Amino acid sequence: MAKELKAGDQVSWSSDGSKAHGKVVKKVTSPMTIRGHKVAASADNPEYLVDTDEGKQAAHKAEPLTSFDANCRLCDMTPWRQCSRMPIST
């Protein structure tokens, strides 16, 4: 089963050799454009629109996104791992 994320989930991903993080805005199931970049999302191939902590928007497939609980003390110490209190099916 594919990973299901929802609006408001805190996520991280690899970006240009470092970690980036942000918050899921919505699941995208139709083509769209972000900052001149075409996002080829569809119902069979969805992507997630994410507001980054740097104030930008990005679209990503579910696989590179890792969720974490921003309010969890363990996650605060290691935010790039999936929080054991917030399991996500993969």
N, C-alpha and C. Protein backbone atom coordinates (compact mmCIF):
# COMPACT_ATOMS: atom_id res chain seq x y z
N MET A 1 0.85 -1.18 0.00
CA MET A 1 0.00 0.00 0.00
C MET A 1 0.89 1.25 0.00
N ALA A 2 0.51 2.23 -0.78
CA ALA A 2 1.29 3.47 -0.84
C ALA A 2 1.10 4.29 0.43
N LYS A 3 2.09 5.08 0.74
CA LYS A 3 2.05 5.96 1.90
C LYS A 3 0.95 6.99 1.71
N GLU A 4 0.10 7.18 2.70
CA GLU A 4 -0.95 8.19 2.64
C GLU A 4 -0.62 9.31 3.63
N LEU A 5 -0.50 10.49 3.12
CA LEU A 5 -0.26 11.67 3.95
C LEU A 5 -1.50 12.54 3.89
N LYS A 6 -1.65 13.43 4.87
CA LYS A 6 -2.80 14.31 4.86
C LYS A 6 -2.36 15.74 5.14
N ALA A 7 -3.23 16.68 4.81
CA ALA A 7 -2.93 18.10 5.04
C ALA A 7 -2.56 18.31 6.51
N GLY A 8 -1.48 19.06 6.71
CA GLY A 8 -1.02 19.35 8.06
C GLY A 8 0.10 18.45 8.55
N ASP A 9 0.33 17.31 7.88
CA ASP A 9 1.42 16.42 8.29
C ASP A 9 2.76 17.13 8.11
N GLN A 10 3.63 17.01 9.10
CA GLN A 10 5.00 17.53 9.02
C GLN A 10 5.83 16.49 8.30
N VAL A 11 6.59 16.91 7.29
CA VAL A 11 7.39 15.97 6.50
C VAL A 11 8.80 16.52 6.28
N SER A 12 9.72 15.62 5.95
CA SER A 12 11.07 16.00 5.55
C SER A 12 11.43 15.21 4.31
N TRP A 13 12.45 15.68 3.59
CA TRP A 13 12.92 15.02 2.38
C TRP A 13 14.33 15.50 2.08
N SER A 14 15.04 14.76 1.25
CA SER A 14 16.39 15.17 0.85
C SER A 14 16.28 16.20 -0.26
N SER A 15 17.07 17.26 -0.15
CA SER A 15 17.04 18.34 -1.14
C SER A 15 18.44 18.90 -1.30
N ASP A 16 19.01 18.74 -2.48
CA ASP A 16 20.34 19.29 -2.79
C ASP A 16 21.39 18.89 -1.75
N GLY A 17 21.38 17.64 -1.34
CA GLY A 17 22.39 17.14 -0.42
C GLY A 17 22.13 17.42 1.04
N SER A 18 21.02 18.04 1.37
CA SER A 18 20.69 18.29 2.77
C SER A 18 19.23 17.91 3.00
N LYS A 19 18.76 18.11 4.22
CA LYS A 19 17.37 17.80 4.55
C LYS A 19 16.54 19.07 4.51
N ALA A 20 15.36 18.95 3.93
CA ALA A 20 14.39 20.05 3.93
C ALA A 20 13.15 19.54 4.66
N HIS A 21 12.37 20.45 5.16
CA HIS A 21 11.14 20.03 5.83
C HIS A 21 10.07 21.08 5.66
N GLY A 22 8.83 20.63 5.85
CA GLY A 22 7.69 21.50 5.68
C GLY A 22 6.41 20.79 6.09
N LYS A 23 5.29 21.32 5.60
CA LYS A 23 3.99 20.82 5.98
C LYS A 23 3.17 20.52 4.73
N VAL A 24 2.52 19.35 4.70
CA VAL A 24 1.68 18.97 3.57
C VAL A 24 0.47 19.90 3.50
N VAL A 25 0.23 20.46 2.30
CA VAL A 25 -0.93 21.32 2.07
C VAL A 25 -2.09 20.48 1.56
N LYS A 26 -1.81 19.65 0.53
CA LYS A 26 -2.87 18.80 -0.02
C LYS A 26 -2.28 17.75 -0.93
N LYS A 27 -3.09 16.76 -1.22
CA LYS A 27 -2.74 15.72 -2.18
C LYS A 27 -3.14 16.25 -3.56
N VAL A 28 -2.24 16.18 -4.53
CA VAL A 28 -2.48 16.70 -5.88
C VAL A 28 -2.75 15.51 -6.80
N THR A 29 -3.91 15.53 -7.47
CA THR A 29 -4.28 14.41 -8.34
C THR A 29 -4.54 14.86 -9.78
N SER A 30 -4.11 16.06 -10.13
CA SER A 30 -4.22 16.53 -11.51
C SER A 30 -3.01 17.42 -11.81
N PRO A 31 -2.67 17.57 -13.10
CA PRO A 31 -1.50 18.37 -13.44
C PRO A 31 -1.62 19.81 -12.94
N MET A 32 -0.49 20.39 -12.56
CA MET A 32 -0.45 21.79 -12.11
C MET A 32 0.96 22.32 -12.36
N THR A 33 1.15 23.61 -12.12
CA THR A 33 2.46 24.24 -12.27
C THR A 33 2.82 24.95 -10.98
N ILE A 34 4.07 24.76 -10.53
CA ILE A 34 4.59 25.45 -9.34
C ILE A 34 5.87 26.16 -9.76
N ARG A 35 5.90 27.48 -9.62
CA ARG A 35 7.07 28.29 -9.96
C ARG A 35 7.65 27.90 -11.33
N GLY A 36 6.77 27.71 -12.31
CA GLY A 36 7.20 27.39 -13.66
C GLY A 36 7.53 25.93 -13.90
N HIS A 37 7.43 25.09 -12.87
CA HIS A 37 7.73 23.66 -12.99
C HIS A 37 6.42 22.90 -13.13
N LYS A 38 6.31 22.07 -14.17
CA LYS A 38 5.10 21.29 -14.39
C LYS A 38 5.10 20.07 -13.47
N VAL A 39 4.00 19.88 -12.78
CA VAL A 39 3.80 18.73 -11.90
C VAL A 39 2.84 17.79 -12.61
N ALA A 40 3.30 16.61 -12.97
CA ALA A 40 2.51 15.66 -13.74
C ALA A 40 1.75 14.70 -12.82
N ALA A 41 1.00 15.23 -11.90
CA ALA A 41 0.25 14.40 -10.96
C ALA A 41 -1.05 13.92 -11.62
N SER A 42 -1.53 12.77 -11.14
CA SER A 42 -2.81 12.22 -11.60
C SER A 42 -3.39 11.39 -10.47
N ALA A 43 -4.61 10.90 -10.64
CA ALA A 43 -5.23 10.07 -9.62
C ALA A 43 -4.42 8.79 -9.40
N ASP A 44 -3.83 8.25 -10.48
CA ASP A 44 -3.01 7.04 -10.38
C ASP A 44 -1.58 7.33 -9.95
N ASN A 45 -1.15 8.58 -10.04
CA ASN A 45 0.23 8.98 -9.73
C ASN A 45 0.21 10.31 -8.96
N PRO A 46 -0.35 10.30 -7.74
CA PRO A 46 -0.50 11.55 -6.99
C PRO A 46 0.83 12.10 -6.46
N GLU A 47 0.84 13.38 -6.21
CA GLU A 47 1.96 14.04 -5.53
C GLU A 47 1.37 14.85 -4.38
N TYR A 48 2.24 15.34 -3.51
CA TYR A 48 1.80 16.12 -2.36
C TYR A 48 2.37 17.52 -2.46
N LEU A 49 1.50 18.53 -2.33
CA LEU A 49 1.92 19.92 -2.31
C LEU A 49 2.37 20.22 -0.89
N VAL A 50 3.59 20.74 -0.76
CA VAL A 50 4.20 20.99 0.55
C VAL A 50 4.62 22.44 0.65
N ASP A 51 4.27 23.10 1.76
CA ASP A 51 4.81 24.43 2.09
C ASP A 51 6.10 24.19 2.85
N THR A 52 7.21 24.67 2.30
CA THR A 52 8.50 24.45 2.97
C THR A 52 8.67 25.46 4.10
N ASP A 53 9.58 25.14 5.00
CA ASP A 53 9.88 26.06 6.10
C ASP A 53 10.55 27.33 5.61
N GLU A 54 11.02 27.33 4.37
CA GLU A 54 11.65 28.52 3.77
C GLU A 54 10.62 29.40 3.08
N GLY A 55 9.34 29.03 3.14
CA GLY A 55 8.28 29.84 2.56
C GLY A 55 7.99 29.57 1.09
N LYS A 56 8.50 28.48 0.56
CA LYS A 56 8.25 28.11 -0.83
C LYS A 56 7.28 26.95 -0.88
N GLN A 57 6.82 26.61 -2.08
CA GLN A 57 5.99 25.43 -2.26
C GLN A 57 6.72 24.45 -3.16
N ALA A 58 6.49 23.18 -2.92
CA ALA A 58 7.09 22.11 -3.71
C ALA A 58 6.08 20.98 -3.81
N ALA A 59 6.21 20.17 -4.86
CA ALA A 59 5.38 18.98 -5.01
C ALA A 59 6.30 17.76 -5.03
N HIS A 60 5.92 16.74 -4.27
CA HIS A 60 6.73 15.53 -4.17
C HIS A 60 5.84 14.30 -4.19
N LYS A 61 6.36 13.22 -4.73
CA LYS A 61 5.69 11.93 -4.60
C LYS A 61 5.83 11.51 -3.13
N ALA A 62 5.00 10.57 -2.71
CA ALA A 62 4.99 10.16 -1.30
C ALA A 62 6.28 9.48 -0.87
N GLU A 63 6.92 8.71 -1.77
CA GLU A 63 8.07 7.89 -1.38
C GLU A 63 9.22 8.67 -0.75
N PRO A 64 9.63 9.83 -1.29
CA PRO A 64 10.76 10.52 -0.65
C PRO A 64 10.39 11.29 0.62
N LEU A 65 9.10 11.40 0.93
CA LEU A 65 8.68 12.16 2.10
C LEU A 65 8.66 11.26 3.34
N THR A 66 9.20 11.77 4.43
CA THR A 66 9.17 11.08 5.72
C THR A 66 8.40 11.95 6.69
N SER A 67 7.40 11.38 7.34
CA SER A 67 6.61 12.17 8.28
C SER A 67 7.24 12.14 9.66
N PHE A 68 6.98 13.18 10.43
CA PHE A 68 7.41 13.21 11.82
C PHE A 68 6.45 14.09 12.61
N ASP A 69 6.41 13.88 13.90
CA ASP A 69 5.53 14.62 14.79
C ASP A 69 6.34 15.77 15.39
N ALA A 70 6.03 17.00 14.98
CA ALA A 70 6.78 18.17 15.44
C ALA A 70 6.61 18.41 16.94
N ASN A 71 5.58 17.82 17.56
CA ASN A 71 5.34 18.01 18.99
C ASN A 71 5.95 16.91 19.85
N CYS A 72 6.55 15.92 19.21
CA CYS A 72 7.12 14.79 19.94
C CYS A 72 8.55 15.14 20.35
N ARG A 73 8.90 14.94 21.59
CA ARG A 73 10.25 15.27 22.05
C ARG A 73 11.30 14.45 21.32
N LEU A 74 11.02 13.15 21.10
CA LEU A 74 11.95 12.30 20.37
C LEU A 74 12.12 12.84 18.95
N CYS A 75 11.01 13.21 18.30
CA CYS A 75 11.08 13.72 16.94
C CYS A 75 11.82 15.05 16.89
N ASP A 76 11.66 15.87 17.93
CA ASP A 76 12.39 17.14 17.97
C ASP A 76 13.89 16.88 17.96
N MET A 77 14.30 15.79 18.62
CA MET A 77 15.72 15.48 18.69
C MET A 77 16.20 14.82 17.41
N THR A 78 15.34 14.06 16.75
CA THR A 78 15.69 13.38 15.50
C THR A 78 14.55 13.55 14.50
N PRO A 79 14.32 14.76 13.98
CA PRO A 79 13.13 15.00 13.15
C PRO A 79 13.15 14.35 11.79
N TRP A 80 14.24 13.73 11.39
CA TRP A 80 14.28 13.15 10.05
C TRP A 80 13.91 11.69 10.04
N ARG A 81 13.51 11.18 11.18
CA ARG A 81 13.04 9.79 11.25
C ARG A 81 11.53 9.81 11.44
N GLN A 82 10.89 8.76 10.98
CA GLN A 82 9.45 8.67 11.20
C GLN A 82 9.20 8.43 12.68
N CYS A 83 8.32 9.19 13.24
CA CYS A 83 7.99 9.06 14.66
C CYS A 83 7.26 7.75 14.89
N SER A 84 7.67 7.01 15.90
CA SER A 84 7.01 5.73 16.21
C SER A 84 5.60 5.95 16.72
N ARG A 85 5.27 7.16 17.15
CA ARG A 85 3.93 7.46 17.61
C ARG A 85 3.02 7.84 16.45
N MET A 86 3.56 8.02 15.24
CA MET A 86 2.77 8.38 14.07
C MET A 86 3.07 7.42 12.92
N PRO A 87 2.72 6.14 13.06
CA PRO A 87 3.06 5.20 11.99
C PRO A 87 2.31 5.52 10.70
N ILE A 88 3.00 5.30 9.58
CA ILE A 88 2.41 5.49 8.27
C ILE A 88 2.62 4.21 7.49
N SER A 89 1.55 3.70 6.88
CA SER A 89 1.66 2.47 6.09
C SER A 89 2.47 2.75 4.85
N THR A 90 3.33 1.82 4.50
CA THR A 90 4.10 1.96 3.26
C THR A 90 3.86 0.77 2.38
